[in-house]
Amino acid sequence: MNNITANDLNIFNFISTDFSDTSIHSANSAWRSYTIQEADHSVNITRDLISKKFHKSDNYFNGIHKEYCSDDGSNWTPTNNINNCF
């Protein structure tokens, strides 16, 4: 019986998990997202690879929730609806 190695499985590992990767692999919809923890809140940033627009959600541990849209991932405009971003 032949043993399967990690190298044998690499053919299934073709979609990068890197947030900065812009490959869409012929998809009609492709998003990248990551979350970071700050001292008093968590920040989730989602990027639509097709429209090249961003959504940011700040979730404070005291229950406050704030949302923002961006065209570049650096300059953020407050929004009350994620659909305004994409």
Protein backbone atom coordinates (compact mmCIF):
# COMPACT_ATOMS: atom_id res chain seq x y z
CA MET A 1 0.00 0.00 0.00
CA ASN A 2 1.32 3.45 -0.93
CA ASN A 3 1.48 6.16 1.69
CA ILE A 4 0.06 9.62 0.96
CA THR A 5 2.41 12.47 1.75
CA ALA A 6 1.71 16.15 2.41
CA ASN A 7 3.14 16.85 -1.05
CA ASP A 8 0.47 14.63 -2.59
CA LEU A 9 -2.20 16.81 -1.01
CA ASN A 10 -0.76 20.10 -2.31
CA ILE A 11 -2.86 19.83 -5.48
CA PHE A 12 -5.88 20.62 -3.27
CA ASN A 13 -4.19 23.59 -1.63
CA PHE A 14 -4.42 26.11 -4.47
CA ILE A 15 -6.57 28.86 -2.95
CA SER A 16 -4.48 31.13 -0.78
CA THR A 17 -5.78 32.23 2.62
CA ASP A 18 -3.74 35.46 2.41
CA PHE A 19 -5.98 38.56 2.74
CA SER A 20 -3.88 40.44 0.18
CA ASP A 21 -4.31 37.73 -2.49
CA THR A 22 -6.54 39.08 -5.28
CA SER A 23 -7.01 35.81 -7.19
CA ILE A 24 -10.67 35.12 -7.95
CA HIS A 25 -10.22 31.74 -9.71
CA SER A 26 -12.93 32.54 -12.30
CA ALA A 27 -15.54 33.14 -9.58
CA ASN A 28 -18.49 35.52 -9.95
CA SER A 29 -18.13 36.48 -6.30
CA ALA A 30 -14.96 36.48 -4.20
CA TRP A 31 -14.39 37.95 -0.74
CA ARG A 32 -11.47 38.08 1.68
CA SER A 33 -11.95 38.77 5.36
CA TYR A 34 -9.94 38.96 8.56
CA THR A 35 -10.60 39.83 12.19
CA ILE A 36 -8.25 41.37 14.74
CA GLN A 37 -8.73 41.84 18.47
CA GLU A 38 -8.04 45.24 19.99
CA ALA A 39 -8.03 46.05 23.72
CA ASP A 40 -11.72 46.97 23.88
CA HIS A 41 -13.17 45.70 20.59
CA SER A 42 -12.76 43.44 17.58
CA VAL A 43 -12.37 44.68 14.01
CA ASN A 44 -13.53 42.68 11.01
CA ILE A 45 -12.52 43.84 7.53
CA THR A 46 -14.05 42.30 4.42
CA ARG A 47 -12.88 43.00 0.88
CA ASP A 48 -14.92 42.27 -2.24
CA LEU A 49 -12.36 41.19 -4.84
CA ILE A 50 -14.73 41.86 -7.74
CA SER A 51 -15.83 45.43 -6.85
CA LYS A 52 -12.55 46.16 -5.01
CA LYS A 53 -14.48 47.76 -2.12
CA PHE A 54 -14.18 47.21 1.62
CA HIS A 55 -16.43 46.93 4.68
CA LYS A 56 -15.20 47.31 8.27
CA SER A 57 -17.13 46.38 11.39
CA ASP A 58 -16.01 47.51 14.85
CA ASN A 59 -17.64 45.47 17.62
CA TYR A 60 -16.99 46.92 21.07
CA PHE A 61 -17.19 44.67 24.11
CA ASN A 62 -19.70 47.10 25.70
CA GLY A 63 -22.20 46.34 22.89
CA ILE A 64 -21.50 49.29 20.57
CA HIS A 65 -21.30 48.33 16.90
CA LYS A 66 -19.95 50.61 14.14
CA GLU A 67 -19.73 49.96 10.38
CA TYR A 68 -17.67 51.67 7.67
CA CYS A 69 -17.17 51.52 3.89
CA SER A 70 -13.98 52.17 1.92
CA ASP A 71 -12.79 52.24 -1.67
CA ASP A 72 -9.15 51.69 -0.71
CA GLY A 73 -9.08 49.96 2.70
CA SER A 74 -7.48 53.02 4.31
CA ASN A 75 -10.04 55.83 4.25
CA TRP A 76 -13.32 54.83 5.96
CA THR A 77 -16.79 56.40 5.75
CA PRO A 78 -19.39 55.52 8.41
CA THR A 79 -22.43 53.56 7.19
CA ASN A 80 -25.48 51.98 8.77
CA ASN A 81 -25.76 49.19 6.19
CA ILE A 82 -23.14 46.84 4.72
CA ASN A 83 -25.01 46.93 1.40
CA ASN A 84 -23.93 50.57 1.02
CA CYS A 85 -20.33 49.37 0.73
CA PHE A 86 -20.59 46.98 -2.20
